[in-house]
N, C-alpha and C. Protein backbone atom coordinates (compact mmCIF):
# COMPACT_ATOMS: atom_id res chain seq x y z
N UNK A 1 82.32 125.37 106.79
CA UNK A 1 81.49 125.08 105.64
C UNK A 1 80.03 125.32 106.02
N UNK A 2 79.37 126.08 105.21
CA UNK A 2 77.98 126.40 105.47
C UNK A 2 77.10 125.19 105.15
N UNK A 3 76.04 125.07 105.92
CA UNK A 3 75.12 123.96 105.71
C UNK A 3 74.44 124.11 104.35
N UNK A 4 74.30 123.02 103.65
CA UNK A 4 73.59 123.04 102.39
C UNK A 4 74.45 123.32 101.16
N UNK A 5 75.75 123.42 101.34
CA UNK A 5 76.60 123.64 100.17
C UNK A 5 76.54 122.42 99.25
N UNK A 6 76.38 122.66 97.97
CA UNK A 6 76.30 121.55 97.03
C UNK A 6 77.68 120.97 96.73
N UNK A 7 78.69 121.83 96.64
CA UNK A 7 80.06 121.40 96.35
C UNK A 7 80.97 121.81 97.50
N UNK A 8 81.08 120.96 98.53
CA UNK A 8 81.93 121.32 99.66
C UNK A 8 83.39 121.42 99.23
N UNK A 9 84.19 122.26 99.89
CA UNK A 9 85.60 122.36 99.53
C UNK A 9 86.31 121.04 99.76
N UNK A 10 87.30 120.75 98.92
CA UNK A 10 88.03 119.51 99.08
C UNK A 10 88.92 119.57 100.31
N UNK A 11 89.05 118.44 100.99
CA UNK A 11 89.88 118.38 102.18
C UNK A 11 91.35 118.30 101.82
N UNK A 12 91.67 117.72 100.68
CA UNK A 12 93.05 117.51 100.27
C UNK A 12 93.30 118.19 98.93
N UNK A 13 94.54 118.60 98.71
CA UNK A 13 94.90 119.20 97.43
C UNK A 13 94.79 118.15 96.34
N UNK A 14 94.18 118.51 95.23
CA UNK A 14 94.02 117.53 94.15
C UNK A 14 95.32 117.34 93.39
N UNK A 15 95.48 116.17 92.83
CA UNK A 15 96.64 115.88 92.01
C UNK A 15 97.87 115.39 92.75
N UNK A 16 97.82 115.33 94.07
CA UNK A 16 98.99 114.94 94.85
C UNK A 16 98.92 113.52 95.38
N UNK A 17 97.78 112.93 95.37
CA UNK A 17 97.59 111.65 96.03
C UNK A 17 97.34 110.54 95.02
N UNK A 18 97.61 109.29 95.40
CA UNK A 18 97.44 108.18 94.45
C UNK A 18 96.05 108.08 93.85
N UNK A 19 95.01 108.43 94.60
CA UNK A 19 93.65 108.32 94.09
C UNK A 19 93.41 109.27 92.92
N UNK A 20 94.18 110.36 92.86
CA UNK A 20 93.99 111.34 91.79
C UNK A 20 94.59 110.85 90.48
N UNK A 21 95.45 109.87 90.53
CA UNK A 21 96.12 109.36 89.34
C UNK A 21 95.21 108.43 88.56
N UNK A 22 95.70 107.96 87.44
CA UNK A 22 94.88 107.05 86.63
C UNK A 22 94.71 105.70 87.33
N UNK A 23 93.51 105.19 87.27
CA UNK A 23 93.22 103.89 87.88
C UNK A 23 93.70 102.79 86.94
N UNK A 24 94.44 101.83 87.46
CA UNK A 24 94.92 100.71 86.67
C UNK A 24 94.23 99.44 87.15
N UNK A 25 93.24 98.97 86.41
CA UNK A 25 92.53 97.77 86.85
C UNK A 25 93.43 96.53 86.82
N UNK A 26 93.15 95.60 87.70
CA UNK A 26 93.89 94.35 87.77
C UNK A 26 93.34 93.39 86.73
N UNK A 27 94.24 92.74 86.00
CA UNK A 27 93.79 91.73 85.06
C UNK A 27 94.08 90.35 85.64
N UNK A 28 93.18 89.44 85.42
CA UNK A 28 93.28 88.09 85.95
C UNK A 28 93.34 87.13 84.78
N UNK A 29 94.32 86.23 84.78
CA UNK A 29 94.42 85.20 83.75
C UNK A 29 93.59 84.00 84.18
N UNK A 30 92.59 83.67 83.39
CA UNK A 30 91.74 82.52 83.67
C UNK A 30 92.30 81.34 82.90
N UNK A 31 92.69 80.29 83.61
CA UNK A 31 93.29 79.11 83.00
C UNK A 31 92.23 78.31 82.23
N UNK A 32 92.69 77.62 81.21
CA UNK A 32 91.79 76.77 80.42
C UNK A 32 91.35 75.57 81.25
N UNK A 33 90.08 75.20 81.10
CA UNK A 33 89.53 74.05 81.83
C UNK A 33 88.88 73.13 80.80
N UNK A 34 89.20 71.86 80.87
CA UNK A 34 88.63 70.88 79.94
C UNK A 34 87.15 70.66 80.24
N UNK A 35 86.42 70.27 79.23
CA UNK A 35 85.00 69.99 79.39
C UNK A 35 84.79 68.73 80.22
N UNK A 36 83.72 68.74 80.98
CA UNK A 36 83.31 67.55 81.75
C UNK A 36 81.89 67.20 81.33
N UNK A 37 81.32 66.19 81.97
CA UNK A 37 79.96 65.77 81.63
C UNK A 37 78.93 66.86 81.88
N UNK A 38 79.14 67.65 82.94
CA UNK A 38 78.12 68.64 83.29
C UNK A 38 78.57 70.10 83.12
N UNK A 39 79.72 70.36 82.48
CA UNK A 39 80.15 71.74 82.24
C UNK A 39 80.93 71.83 80.93
N UNK A 40 80.78 72.94 80.23
CA UNK A 40 81.49 73.11 78.95
C UNK A 40 82.97 73.46 79.17
N UNK A 41 83.75 73.35 78.12
CA UNK A 41 85.17 73.72 78.19
C UNK A 41 85.29 75.24 78.30
N UNK A 42 86.32 75.68 79.00
CA UNK A 42 86.59 77.10 79.14
C UNK A 42 87.99 77.35 78.57
N UNK A 43 88.07 78.24 77.60
CA UNK A 43 89.38 78.54 77.00
C UNK A 43 90.12 79.56 77.87
N UNK A 44 91.44 79.58 77.75
CA UNK A 44 92.25 80.52 78.53
C UNK A 44 91.97 81.94 78.04
N UNK A 45 91.72 82.84 78.97
CA UNK A 45 91.46 84.24 78.63
C UNK A 45 91.80 85.13 79.82
N UNK A 46 91.84 86.42 79.59
CA UNK A 46 92.06 87.37 80.68
C UNK A 46 90.78 88.16 80.91
N UNK A 47 90.59 88.57 82.13
CA UNK A 47 89.44 89.37 82.49
C UNK A 47 89.88 90.44 83.48
N UNK A 48 89.16 91.54 83.53
CA UNK A 48 89.48 92.63 84.45
C UNK A 48 88.77 92.37 85.77
N UNK A 49 89.54 92.40 86.87
CA UNK A 49 88.94 92.19 88.18
C UNK A 49 88.40 93.51 88.70
N UNK A 50 87.13 93.54 89.01
CA UNK A 50 86.46 94.71 89.57
C UNK A 50 85.83 94.31 90.90
N UNK A 51 85.44 95.28 91.71
CA UNK A 51 84.76 94.91 92.96
C UNK A 51 83.50 94.06 92.75
N UNK A 52 82.90 94.17 91.57
CA UNK A 52 81.69 93.40 91.30
C UNK A 52 81.97 91.91 91.07
N UNK A 53 83.17 91.57 90.55
CA UNK A 53 83.44 90.16 90.28
C UNK A 53 84.57 89.59 91.15
N UNK A 54 84.95 90.30 92.22
CA UNK A 54 85.97 89.79 93.14
C UNK A 54 85.38 88.72 94.04
N UNK A 55 86.26 87.86 94.54
CA UNK A 55 85.82 86.89 95.55
C UNK A 55 85.52 87.67 96.83
N UNK A 56 84.68 87.15 97.72
CA UNK A 56 84.37 87.86 98.97
C UNK A 56 85.62 88.21 99.79
N UNK A 57 86.60 87.31 99.83
CA UNK A 57 87.82 87.58 100.60
C UNK A 57 88.62 88.73 99.97
N UNK A 58 88.76 88.71 98.64
CA UNK A 58 89.48 89.78 97.96
C UNK A 58 88.74 91.11 98.09
N UNK A 59 87.41 91.07 98.02
CA UNK A 59 86.63 92.29 98.13
C UNK A 59 86.77 92.89 99.52
N UNK A 60 86.76 92.06 100.56
CA UNK A 60 86.92 92.55 101.93
C UNK A 60 88.30 93.19 102.10
N UNK A 61 89.33 92.56 101.53
CA UNK A 61 90.69 93.11 101.61
C UNK A 61 90.76 94.43 100.85
N UNK A 62 90.17 94.50 99.66
CA UNK A 62 90.15 95.72 98.85
C UNK A 62 89.47 96.86 99.60
N UNK A 63 88.32 96.59 100.19
CA UNK A 63 87.58 97.62 100.93
C UNK A 63 88.37 98.09 102.15
N UNK A 64 89.03 97.16 102.86
CA UNK A 64 89.82 97.53 104.04
C UNK A 64 91.01 98.40 103.64
N UNK A 65 91.68 98.07 102.54
CA UNK A 65 92.80 98.89 102.07
C UNK A 65 92.32 100.27 101.65
N UNK A 66 91.19 100.33 100.97
CA UNK A 66 90.64 101.61 100.53
C UNK A 66 90.32 102.50 101.73
N UNK A 67 89.73 101.91 102.75
CA UNK A 67 89.39 102.65 103.97
C UNK A 67 90.65 103.12 104.69
N UNK A 68 91.67 102.26 104.77
CA UNK A 68 92.92 102.63 105.45
C UNK A 68 93.61 103.78 104.74
N UNK A 69 93.68 103.73 103.41
CA UNK A 69 94.30 104.81 102.65
C UNK A 69 93.54 106.11 102.87
N UNK A 70 92.22 106.04 102.84
CA UNK A 70 91.40 107.23 103.05
C UNK A 70 91.67 107.83 104.44
N UNK A 71 91.69 106.99 105.47
CA UNK A 71 91.92 107.49 106.82
C UNK A 71 93.30 108.12 106.97
N UNK A 72 94.30 107.49 106.38
CA UNK A 72 95.67 108.03 106.47
C UNK A 72 95.77 109.38 105.75
N UNK A 73 95.25 109.44 104.53
CA UNK A 73 95.39 110.67 103.76
C UNK A 73 94.56 111.83 104.29
N UNK A 74 93.42 111.55 104.87
CA UNK A 74 92.63 112.64 105.44
C UNK A 74 93.15 113.06 106.80
N UNK A 75 93.97 112.23 107.42
CA UNK A 75 94.50 112.55 108.74
C UNK A 75 95.78 113.35 108.72
N UNK A 76 96.44 113.45 107.56
CA UNK A 76 97.68 114.22 107.49
C UNK A 76 97.46 115.45 106.64
N UNK A 77 98.14 116.52 106.98
CA UNK A 77 98.01 117.76 106.24
C UNK A 77 98.86 117.76 104.98
N UNK A 78 98.61 118.75 104.12
CA UNK A 78 99.37 118.85 102.87
C UNK A 78 100.85 119.06 103.11
N UNK A 79 101.19 119.84 104.14
CA UNK A 79 102.60 120.12 104.40
C UNK A 79 103.34 118.83 104.79
N UNK A 80 102.74 118.03 105.65
CA UNK A 80 103.36 116.77 106.07
C UNK A 80 103.45 115.82 104.88
N UNK A 81 102.38 115.73 104.10
CA UNK A 81 102.39 114.83 102.94
C UNK A 81 103.48 115.24 101.96
N UNK A 82 103.60 116.55 101.69
CA UNK A 82 104.61 117.03 100.74
C UNK A 82 106.02 116.72 101.23
N UNK A 83 106.26 116.83 102.54
CA UNK A 83 107.57 116.54 103.11
C UNK A 83 107.90 115.06 102.94
N UNK A 84 106.96 114.19 103.27
CA UNK A 84 107.18 112.75 103.14
C UNK A 84 107.32 112.36 101.67
N UNK A 85 106.51 112.95 100.81
CA UNK A 85 106.54 112.63 99.39
C UNK A 85 107.87 113.04 98.76
N UNK A 86 108.48 114.12 99.25
CA UNK A 86 109.74 114.61 98.70
C UNK A 86 110.95 113.84 99.22
N UNK A 87 110.77 112.99 100.22
CA UNK A 87 111.88 112.24 100.81
C UNK A 87 112.43 111.25 99.79
N UNK A 88 113.73 111.33 99.51
CA UNK A 88 114.35 110.46 98.51
C UNK A 88 114.85 109.15 99.09
N UNK A 89 114.99 109.05 100.41
CA UNK A 89 115.58 107.85 101.01
C UNK A 89 114.56 106.84 101.48
N UNK A 90 113.29 107.17 101.43
CA UNK A 90 112.26 106.26 101.93
C UNK A 90 111.97 105.17 100.94
């Protein structure tokens, strides 16, 4: 790859890996909480969990999984990935 390329070639074939698929956000059910003297009542509702509103422990786990998947997928070639992906017994 020449220095200064604006659009470097992709390392992996597109459309074959989980990241290329549609992202399905996690939904979290927030339980109803009764009102107290110093806080209002919270009704039961669902919310979408994103990295911005995750707890620090969940965010650390999410980032570690993302990094692990990236390292695994960039470390194997397309031929190996296609062979493993085609395996029906795994």
